[in-house]
């Protein structure tokens, strides 16, 4: 086994920086650590703190190509966040105008979970602790 401590960050490339920045800070509630405009790349990089444990790097680039998510495509499928109260998170996100799938039960673990998508269709899951 490699000597890995934990996941350091998740990098996401968005199609509309301002829309995604608002989604990840106002809907998801992630804290901005640093925001940098990289002139040579015409690109923003926004570092977001997730509950003090992890970091999401949100990037913008001019005209990034679309990456299919559905039907199930090869590659990273989704990101998942753990919560103590799946139904409460579902309610809070829905109240902010985000369309969410219904809460379901994982038939293997018996845990509750649900999915929704970020502004670019990236699947996000909340999963019961």
Foldseek 3Di string as FASTA:
>chain_A
DDPDDDDAEAEEEDADVVQLVCCCCPLVVWAWPDWDQDVVQRKIWTWTDDVPPYIYIYMYGHPDDADDQPPPDPDDNAEEAEDQDAVVSVVSNVVVVFDWDDWDADPVPRWIKTWGAGPRRHIYMYTYD
